[in-house]
Structure formats: structure tokens, C-alpha cells
Amino acid sequence: MLFVNDIKRAYIVCTLSALLEEINEGKEVKDIKDRLFSWEKSKFDMEHICAQNIFNQSDSEDIPKYNGIGNLVVLERSINRSIGDKTVDKKVDRYEDSSFVSVRRVAEQIKGSGNVWGNDQVSSRCEKQEKLLCEFLGLYD
């Protein structure tokens, strides 16, 4: 289970990551603000791509990895609530319905890996998101 500080950190990091992907895709600033910062206009959740009940059954060393940016993404609340804790092969079509660039990219990655989302995919996405965030924050030389 994530601690309160971990939940806040995950929320901030995932929201910033989604914001940067939207900007890099050339989305309108007003649209981005409405979807990410206006709770009245758009409600979203932090989605575990590989559901918690699935990865919690695996080796406990994987739990921090699966609670990180490689396995978390913002997702419209309505979509998130409709898919529940299904496996990724059952979630991927709904991910394609998302208005978030980051979620649609996750769907592409899932389909590109044969509808698999495991350690390799989580690590790959984590590296990409880390690079995106670090470049924005000026943490790379």
C-alpha cells in the first residue's frame, strides 16, 4: 500500500507527466488546463496499468516498481471505473478511447508488446517518463 506522501507524489508526478505529453503533442493550453486542473470539467484518477491485485501477487520486490511512473497514468474517471482491475489485454481498447495522449501511448505500447504489460514494459515506460520529467526540470546535463 502506498503511504500518503507516496500517493501525493504519484499524483503530482503523473499529472506533470501527462501535462508535458499534452504540451509536446501540441494540444491547446485551455484544453490541457480544463482536463488536468478543472475538477468540475474533467475528473481523472491515477490508473495502475497492471492492476494492484495482479502485481501484489508477484514478488514483493516488484511492488515499488509497479507503484511508480512506469505503471501509473492519469485516466478519465469514467473509463477507469468501467475497467476496474481487469488485465491489460481487457483494458487496452478502453485506453484507446482516452483523450489523454499519455494513455493512448500506453495503449500503443501494450499492443506493440502483444498485449503484455510486465517488468520490461514498466521499466521502458519508467525510463521514458523519467527522461521527459528530468529534461523539463533541468536535471540532465
N, C-alpha and C. Protein backbone atom coordinates (compact mmCIF):
# COMPACT_ATOMS: atom_id res chain seq x y z
N MET A 1 0.83 -1.18 0.00
CA MET A 1 0.00 0.00 0.00
C MET A 1 0.88 1.24 0.00
N LEU A 2 0.51 2.23 -0.78
CA LEU A 2 1.25 3.48 -0.81
C LEU A 2 0.96 4.29 0.44
N PHE A 3 1.99 4.95 0.94
CA PHE A 3 1.80 5.87 2.05
C PHE A 3 1.27 7.19 1.50
N VAL A 4 0.71 8.04 2.37
CA VAL A 4 0.10 9.29 1.94
C VAL A 4 1.08 10.11 1.11
N ASN A 5 2.32 10.26 1.56
CA ASN A 5 3.29 11.04 0.80
C ASN A 5 3.56 10.42 -0.56
N ASP A 6 3.56 9.10 -0.64
CA ASP A 6 3.76 8.42 -1.92
C ASP A 6 2.58 8.67 -2.85
N ILE A 7 1.37 8.70 -2.30
CA ILE A 7 0.18 8.96 -3.11
C ILE A 7 0.23 10.38 -3.67
N LYS A 8 0.58 11.34 -2.82
CA LYS A 8 0.69 12.72 -3.29
C LYS A 8 1.77 12.86 -4.36
N ARG A 9 2.90 12.24 -4.11
CA ARG A 9 4.00 12.30 -5.08
C ARG A 9 3.58 11.67 -6.40
N ALA A 10 2.93 10.52 -6.35
CA ALA A 10 2.48 9.86 -7.57
C ALA A 10 1.49 10.73 -8.32
N TYR A 11 0.59 11.37 -7.61
CA TYR A 11 -0.40 12.25 -8.23
C TYR A 11 0.29 13.41 -8.94
N ILE A 12 1.23 14.05 -8.26
CA ILE A 12 1.93 15.20 -8.84
C ILE A 12 2.77 14.76 -10.04
N VAL A 13 3.53 13.70 -9.90
CA VAL A 13 4.41 13.25 -10.99
C VAL A 13 3.58 12.81 -12.19
N CYS A 14 2.52 12.06 -11.98
CA CYS A 14 1.69 11.60 -13.10
C CYS A 14 0.98 12.76 -13.79
N THR A 15 0.51 13.71 -13.01
CA THR A 15 -0.16 14.87 -13.60
C THR A 15 0.82 15.71 -14.41
N LEU A 16 2.01 15.93 -13.88
CA LEU A 16 3.03 16.68 -14.61
C LEU A 16 3.45 15.94 -15.88
N SER A 17 3.61 14.65 -15.77
CA SER A 17 3.97 13.84 -16.94
C SER A 17 2.90 13.95 -18.02
N ALA A 18 1.65 13.84 -17.63
CA ALA A 18 0.54 13.97 -18.59
C ALA A 18 0.53 15.36 -19.21
N LEU A 19 0.75 16.38 -18.39
CA LEU A 19 0.78 17.75 -18.87
C LEU A 19 1.87 17.92 -19.93
N LEU A 20 3.06 17.42 -19.67
CA LEU A 20 4.16 17.54 -20.62
C LEU A 20 3.88 16.80 -21.92
N GLU A 21 3.28 15.63 -21.83
CA GLU A 21 2.95 14.89 -23.05
C GLU A 21 1.90 15.63 -23.87
N GLU A 22 0.94 16.24 -23.20
CA GLU A 22 -0.09 17.01 -23.91
C GLU A 22 0.55 18.21 -24.61
N ILE A 23 1.44 18.93 -23.91
CA ILE A 23 2.12 20.09 -24.49
C ILE A 23 2.97 19.66 -25.68
N ASN A 24 3.73 18.57 -25.52
CA ASN A 24 4.59 18.09 -26.60
C ASN A 24 3.80 17.65 -27.82
N GLU A 25 2.55 17.29 -27.62
CA GLU A 25 1.69 16.87 -28.72
C GLU A 25 1.03 18.08 -29.40
N GLY A 26 1.22 19.26 -28.81
CA GLY A 26 0.68 20.48 -29.40
C GLY A 26 -0.77 20.77 -29.04
N LYS A 27 -1.24 20.20 -27.95
CA LYS A 27 -2.62 20.44 -27.52
C LYS A 27 -2.78 21.89 -27.06
N GLU A 28 -4.00 22.39 -27.16
CA GLU A 28 -4.32 23.75 -26.73
C GLU A 28 -4.20 23.87 -25.22
N VAL A 29 -3.60 24.96 -24.76
CA VAL A 29 -3.38 25.18 -23.33
C VAL A 29 -4.70 25.17 -22.57
N LYS A 30 -5.73 25.80 -23.10
CA LYS A 30 -7.03 25.84 -22.43
C LYS A 30 -7.57 24.42 -22.24
N ASP A 31 -7.45 23.59 -23.27
CA ASP A 31 -7.91 22.21 -23.20
C ASP A 31 -7.13 21.44 -22.13
N ILE A 32 -5.83 21.65 -22.09
CA ILE A 32 -4.99 20.97 -21.09
C ILE A 32 -5.41 21.40 -19.68
N LYS A 33 -5.57 22.69 -19.48
CA LYS A 33 -5.98 23.19 -18.16
C LYS A 33 -7.34 22.61 -17.76
N ASP A 34 -8.28 22.61 -18.70
CA ASP A 34 -9.61 22.08 -18.38
C ASP A 34 -9.56 20.61 -17.98
N ARG A 35 -8.74 19.83 -18.66
CA ARG A 35 -8.72 18.39 -18.38
C ARG A 35 -7.88 18.02 -17.17
N LEU A 36 -6.83 18.80 -16.89
CA LEU A 36 -5.95 18.42 -15.79
C LEU A 36 -6.11 19.26 -14.52
N PHE A 37 -6.72 20.44 -14.62
CA PHE A 37 -6.77 21.32 -13.46
C PHE A 37 -8.15 21.86 -13.13
N SER A 38 -9.17 21.40 -13.82
CA SER A 38 -10.53 21.84 -13.52
C SER A 38 -11.36 20.62 -13.14
N TRP A 39 -11.52 20.42 -11.86
CA TRP A 39 -12.22 19.22 -11.38
C TRP A 39 -13.68 19.21 -11.82
N GLU A 40 -14.27 20.39 -12.02
CA GLU A 40 -15.66 20.45 -12.47
C GLU A 40 -15.80 19.98 -13.92
N LYS A 41 -14.79 20.22 -14.73
CA LYS A 41 -14.86 19.89 -16.15
C LYS A 41 -14.33 18.50 -16.47
N SER A 42 -13.41 18.01 -15.68
CA SER A 42 -12.78 16.72 -16.00
C SER A 42 -12.30 16.04 -14.73
N LYS A 43 -12.79 14.87 -14.50
CA LYS A 43 -12.36 14.09 -13.34
C LYS A 43 -11.48 12.94 -13.84
N PHE A 44 -10.33 12.76 -13.17
CA PHE A 44 -9.45 11.66 -13.54
C PHE A 44 -8.89 11.00 -12.30
N ASP A 45 -8.42 9.80 -12.49
CA ASP A 45 -7.80 9.01 -11.43
C ASP A 45 -6.38 8.65 -11.84
N MET A 46 -5.61 8.17 -10.87
CA MET A 46 -4.33 7.55 -11.17
C MET A 46 -4.63 6.08 -11.43
N GLU A 47 -4.32 5.63 -12.61
CA GLU A 47 -4.61 4.26 -13.03
C GLU A 47 -3.35 3.41 -12.95
N HIS A 48 -3.46 2.27 -12.28
CA HIS A 48 -2.40 1.27 -12.35
C HIS A 48 -2.63 0.48 -13.63
N ILE A 49 -1.72 0.58 -14.57
CA ILE A 49 -1.86 -0.13 -15.84
C ILE A 49 -1.96 -1.63 -15.57
N CYS A 50 -1.01 -2.16 -14.83
CA CYS A 50 -1.14 -3.52 -14.32
C CYS A 50 -1.80 -3.36 -12.96
N ALA A 51 -2.99 -3.90 -12.82
CA ALA A 51 -3.80 -3.70 -11.61
C ALA A 51 -3.06 -4.14 -10.35
N GLN A 52 -3.31 -3.43 -9.26
CA GLN A 52 -2.65 -3.73 -7.99
C GLN A 52 -2.88 -5.16 -7.54
N ASN A 53 -4.09 -5.66 -7.72
CA ASN A 53 -4.36 -7.02 -7.25
C ASN A 53 -3.56 -8.06 -8.04
N ILE A 54 -3.11 -7.70 -9.23
CA ILE A 54 -2.31 -8.63 -10.04
C ILE A 54 -0.85 -8.55 -9.63
N PHE A 55 -0.27 -7.32 -9.56
CA PHE A 55 1.15 -7.24 -9.24
C PHE A 55 1.43 -7.49 -7.77
N ASN A 56 0.47 -7.30 -6.88
CA ASN A 56 0.69 -7.60 -5.47
C ASN A 56 0.85 -9.09 -5.22
N GLN A 57 0.40 -9.90 -6.17
CA GLN A 57 0.54 -11.34 -6.03
C GLN A 57 1.93 -11.82 -6.43
N SER A 58 2.67 -10.94 -7.11
CA SER A 58 4.00 -11.34 -7.57
C SER A 58 5.03 -11.05 -6.48
N ASP A 59 6.28 -11.15 -6.85
CA ASP A 59 7.39 -10.92 -5.93
C ASP A 59 7.28 -9.53 -5.29
N SER A 60 7.43 -9.45 -3.99
CA SER A 60 7.27 -8.19 -3.28
C SER A 60 8.30 -7.14 -3.71
N GLU A 61 9.40 -7.55 -4.33
CA GLU A 61 10.39 -6.59 -4.82
C GLU A 61 9.83 -5.75 -5.97
N ASP A 62 8.83 -6.25 -6.65
CA ASP A 62 8.23 -5.54 -7.78
C ASP A 62 7.24 -4.47 -7.35
N ILE A 63 6.74 -4.51 -6.14
CA ILE A 63 5.67 -3.61 -5.71
C ILE A 63 6.07 -2.14 -5.86
N PRO A 64 7.25 -1.69 -5.41
CA PRO A 64 7.59 -0.27 -5.63
C PRO A 64 7.65 0.10 -7.11
N LYS A 65 8.15 -0.81 -7.94
CA LYS A 65 8.23 -0.54 -9.38
C LYS A 65 6.83 -0.36 -9.97
N TYR A 66 5.90 -1.16 -9.55
CA TYR A 66 4.54 -1.11 -10.10
C TYR A 66 3.70 0.01 -9.50
N ASN A 67 4.19 0.64 -8.45
CA ASN A 67 3.53 1.81 -7.88
C ASN A 67 4.20 3.10 -8.34
N GLY A 68 5.05 3.00 -9.36
CA GLY A 68 5.78 4.15 -9.87
C GLY A 68 5.28 4.61 -11.22
N ILE A 69 5.97 5.61 -11.78
CA ILE A 69 5.56 6.26 -13.02
C ILE A 69 5.53 5.30 -14.21
N GLY A 70 6.23 4.20 -14.14
CA GLY A 70 6.20 3.23 -15.24
C GLY A 70 4.89 2.49 -15.35
N ASN A 71 4.14 2.42 -14.26
CA ASN A 71 2.89 1.67 -14.24
C ASN A 71 1.68 2.54 -13.89
N LEU A 72 1.90 3.83 -13.70
CA LEU A 72 0.80 4.74 -13.36
C LEU A 72 0.57 5.73 -14.49
N VAL A 73 -0.68 6.06 -14.71
CA VAL A 73 -1.04 7.03 -15.74
C VAL A 73 -2.34 7.70 -15.33
N VAL A 74 -2.51 8.98 -15.71
CA VAL A 74 -3.81 9.62 -15.47
C VAL A 74 -4.81 9.01 -16.44
N LEU A 75 -6.03 8.83 -15.98
CA LEU A 75 -7.07 8.24 -16.82
C LEU A 75 -8.42 8.81 -16.39
N GLU A 76 -9.24 9.16 -17.37
CA GLU A 76 -10.56 9.68 -17.05
C GLU A 76 -11.25 8.73 -16.07
N ARG A 77 -11.86 9.34 -15.07
CA ARG A 77 -12.52 8.56 -14.02
C ARG A 77 -13.56 7.60 -14.61
N SER A 78 -14.33 8.06 -15.57
CA SER A 78 -15.38 7.20 -16.15
C SER A 78 -14.78 5.95 -16.80
N ILE A 79 -13.66 6.11 -17.48
CA ILE A 79 -13.01 4.94 -18.10
C ILE A 79 -12.41 4.06 -17.01
N ASN A 80 -11.71 4.67 -16.07
CA ASN A 80 -11.08 3.90 -15.00
C ASN A 80 -12.09 3.07 -14.23
N ARG A 81 -13.22 3.66 -13.88
CA ARG A 81 -14.22 2.94 -13.10
C ARG A 81 -14.87 1.82 -13.93
N SER A 82 -14.91 2.00 -15.24
CA SER A 82 -15.54 0.96 -16.09
C SER A 82 -14.64 -0.25 -16.29
N ILE A 83 -13.32 -0.07 -16.19
CA ILE A 83 -12.41 -1.20 -16.43
C ILE A 83 -12.00 -1.91 -15.16
N GLY A 84 -12.10 -1.24 -14.03
CA GLY A 84 -11.77 -1.89 -12.76
C GLY A 84 -10.37 -2.46 -12.74
N ASP A 85 -10.25 -3.66 -12.22
CA ASP A 85 -8.95 -4.33 -12.07
C ASP A 85 -8.74 -5.42 -13.11
N LYS A 86 -9.20 -5.17 -14.31
CA LYS A 86 -9.03 -6.15 -15.39
C LYS A 86 -7.57 -6.23 -15.80
N THR A 87 -7.24 -7.26 -16.54
CA THR A 87 -5.89 -7.39 -17.09
C THR A 87 -5.74 -6.43 -18.26
N VAL A 88 -4.48 -6.11 -18.61
CA VAL A 88 -4.24 -5.10 -19.64
C VAL A 88 -4.83 -5.46 -20.99
N ASP A 89 -4.88 -6.73 -21.33
CA ASP A 89 -5.45 -7.11 -22.62
C ASP A 89 -6.94 -6.77 -22.70
N LYS A 90 -7.59 -6.65 -21.53
CA LYS A 90 -9.01 -6.28 -21.49
C LYS A 90 -9.19 -4.76 -21.33
N LYS A 91 -8.13 -4.05 -20.89
CA LYS A 91 -8.20 -2.61 -20.69
C LYS A 91 -7.81 -1.82 -21.95
N VAL A 92 -6.97 -2.40 -22.78
CA VAL A 92 -6.30 -1.64 -23.84
C VAL A 92 -7.27 -0.94 -24.80
N ASP A 93 -8.37 -1.57 -25.13
CA ASP A 93 -9.32 -0.92 -26.04
C ASP A 93 -9.93 0.32 -25.41
N ARG A 94 -10.18 0.28 -24.11
CA ARG A 94 -10.72 1.47 -23.43
C ARG A 94 -9.66 2.56 -23.30
N TYR A 95 -8.39 2.17 -23.17
CA TYR A 95 -7.31 3.16 -23.15
C TYR A 95 -7.30 3.96 -24.45
N GLU A 96 -7.60 3.30 -25.55
CA GLU A 96 -7.61 3.98 -26.84
C GLU A 96 -8.72 5.04 -26.92
N ASP A 97 -9.74 4.91 -26.07
CA ASP A 97 -10.83 5.89 -26.02
C ASP A 97 -10.48 7.13 -25.21
N SER A 98 -9.37 7.11 -24.50
CA SER A 98 -8.99 8.22 -23.64
C SER A 98 -8.63 9.46 -24.45
N SER A 99 -8.88 10.61 -23.86
CA SER A 99 -8.48 11.87 -24.51
C SER A 99 -7.04 12.25 -24.13
N PHE A 100 -6.42 11.52 -23.22
CA PHE A 100 -5.06 11.82 -22.80
C PHE A 100 -4.03 11.15 -23.72
N VAL A 101 -3.08 11.95 -24.18
CA VAL A 101 -2.00 11.45 -25.04
C VAL A 101 -1.25 10.32 -24.35
N SER A 102 -0.94 10.51 -23.08
CA SER A 102 -0.15 9.51 -22.35
C SER A 102 -0.85 8.16 -22.30
N VAL A 103 -2.16 8.16 -22.16
CA VAL A 103 -2.91 6.90 -22.10
C VAL A 103 -2.93 6.21 -23.47
N ARG A 104 -3.11 6.99 -24.50
CA ARG A 104 -3.10 6.40 -25.85
C ARG A 104 -1.72 5.84 -26.19
N ARG A 105 -0.67 6.48 -25.70
CA ARG A 105 0.69 5.94 -25.91
C ARG A 105 0.88 4.64 -25.15
N VAL A 106 0.32 4.55 -23.97
CA VAL A 106 0.37 3.29 -23.22
C VAL A 106 -0.34 2.20 -24.01
N ALA A 107 -1.49 2.52 -24.59
CA ALA A 107 -2.23 1.54 -25.40
C ALA A 107 -1.37 1.07 -26.56
N GLU A 108 -0.68 1.98 -27.21
CA GLU A 108 0.21 1.60 -28.32
C GLU A 108 1.32 0.67 -27.83
N GLN A 109 1.89 0.99 -26.67
CA GLN A 109 2.96 0.16 -26.12
C GLN A 109 2.44 -1.23 -25.76
N ILE A 110 1.25 -1.29 -25.20
CA ILE A 110 0.67 -2.59 -24.85
C ILE A 110 0.45 -3.42 -26.11
N LYS A 111 -0.18 -2.83 -27.11
CA LYS A 111 -0.44 -3.56 -28.35
C LYS A 111 0.86 -3.96 -29.05
N GLY A 112 1.87 -3.10 -28.97
CA GLY A 112 3.16 -3.39 -29.58
C GLY A 112 3.91 -4.52 -28.90
N SER A 113 3.52 -4.83 -27.68
CA SER A 113 4.18 -5.92 -26.95
C SER A 113 3.28 -7.16 -26.87
N GLY A 114 2.30 -7.24 -27.76
CA GLY A 114 1.43 -8.42 -27.78
C GLY A 114 0.46 -8.47 -26.62
N ASN A 115 -0.04 -7.31 -26.20
CA ASN A 115 -0.98 -7.18 -25.08
C ASN A 115 -0.40 -7.68 -23.76
N VAL A 116 0.90 -7.45 -23.60
CA VAL A 116 1.60 -7.81 -22.36
C VAL A 116 2.04 -6.54 -21.67
N TRP A 117 1.93 -6.52 -20.35
CA TRP A 117 2.44 -5.40 -19.56
C TRP A 117 3.11 -5.99 -18.33
N GLY A 118 4.42 -6.14 -18.43
CA GLY A 118 5.19 -6.74 -17.34
C GLY A 118 6.39 -5.88 -17.01
N ASN A 119 7.39 -6.49 -16.39
CA ASN A 119 8.56 -5.75 -15.92
C ASN A 119 9.25 -4.98 -17.04
N ASP A 120 9.40 -5.59 -18.22
CA ASP A 120 10.08 -4.91 -19.32
C ASP A 120 9.33 -3.66 -19.76
N GLN A 121 8.01 -3.76 -19.88
CA GLN A 121 7.20 -2.63 -20.32
C GLN A 121 7.16 -1.53 -19.26
N VAL A 122 7.05 -1.92 -18.00
CA VAL A 122 7.04 -0.95 -16.90
C VAL A 122 8.38 -0.22 -16.86
N SER A 123 9.48 -0.95 -16.98
CA SER A 123 10.81 -0.34 -16.96
C SER A 123 11.01 0.60 -18.14
N SER A 124 10.58 0.18 -19.31
CA SER A 124 10.71 1.01 -20.51
C SER A 124 9.93 2.31 -20.36
N ARG A 125 8.70 2.22 -19.92
CA ARG A 125 7.90 3.43 -19.75
C ARG A 125 8.48 4.32 -18.65
N CYS A 126 8.97 3.71 -17.59
CA CYS A 126 9.58 4.47 -16.50
C CYS A 126 10.76 5.28 -17.02
N GLU A 127 11.62 4.68 -17.82
CA GLU A 127 12.77 5.39 -18.38
C GLU A 127 12.33 6.56 -19.24
N LYS A 128 11.32 6.37 -20.08
CA LYS A 128 10.83 7.45 -20.95
C LYS A 128 10.23 8.58 -20.14
N GLN A 129 9.43 8.25 -19.13
CA GLN A 129 8.80 9.28 -18.32
C GLN A 129 9.84 10.01 -17.47
N GLU A 130 10.81 9.27 -16.96
CA GLU A 130 11.87 9.90 -16.18
C GLU A 130 12.64 10.90 -17.04
N LYS A 131 12.96 10.52 -18.27
CA LYS A 131 13.67 11.42 -19.18
C LYS A 131 12.84 12.67 -19.46
N LEU A 132 11.56 12.50 -19.75
CA LEU A 132 10.66 13.61 -20.01
C LEU A 132 10.64 14.59 -18.83
N LEU A 133 10.48 14.06 -17.64
CA LEU A 133 10.40 14.89 -16.43
C LEU A 133 11.74 15.55 -16.11
N CYS A 134 12.83 14.80 -16.22
CA CYS A 134 14.14 15.36 -15.90
C CYS A 134 14.55 16.45 -16.88
N GLU A 135 14.23 16.25 -18.15
CA GLU A 135 14.54 17.30 -19.13
C GLU A 135 13.76 18.57 -18.82
N PHE A 136 12.49 18.41 -18.47
CA PHE A 136 11.67 19.58 -18.12
C PHE A 136 12.21 20.29 -16.90
N LEU A 137 12.64 19.53 -15.90
CA LEU A 137 13.12 20.11 -14.64
C LEU A 137 14.58 20.53 -14.70
N GLY A 138 15.25 20.25 -15.83
CA GLY A 138 16.65 20.62 -15.97
C GLY A 138 17.59 19.78 -15.15
N LEU A 139 17.25 18.54 -14.93
CA LEU A 139 18.07 17.67 -14.09
C LEU A 139 19.10 16.85 -14.86
N TYR A 140 19.10 16.98 -16.20
CA TYR A 140 20.13 16.33 -17.02
C TYR A 140 21.12 17.36 -17.46
N ASP A 141 22.37 16.96 -17.58
CA ASP A 141 23.40 17.88 -18.09
C ASP A 141 23.32 18.00 -19.59
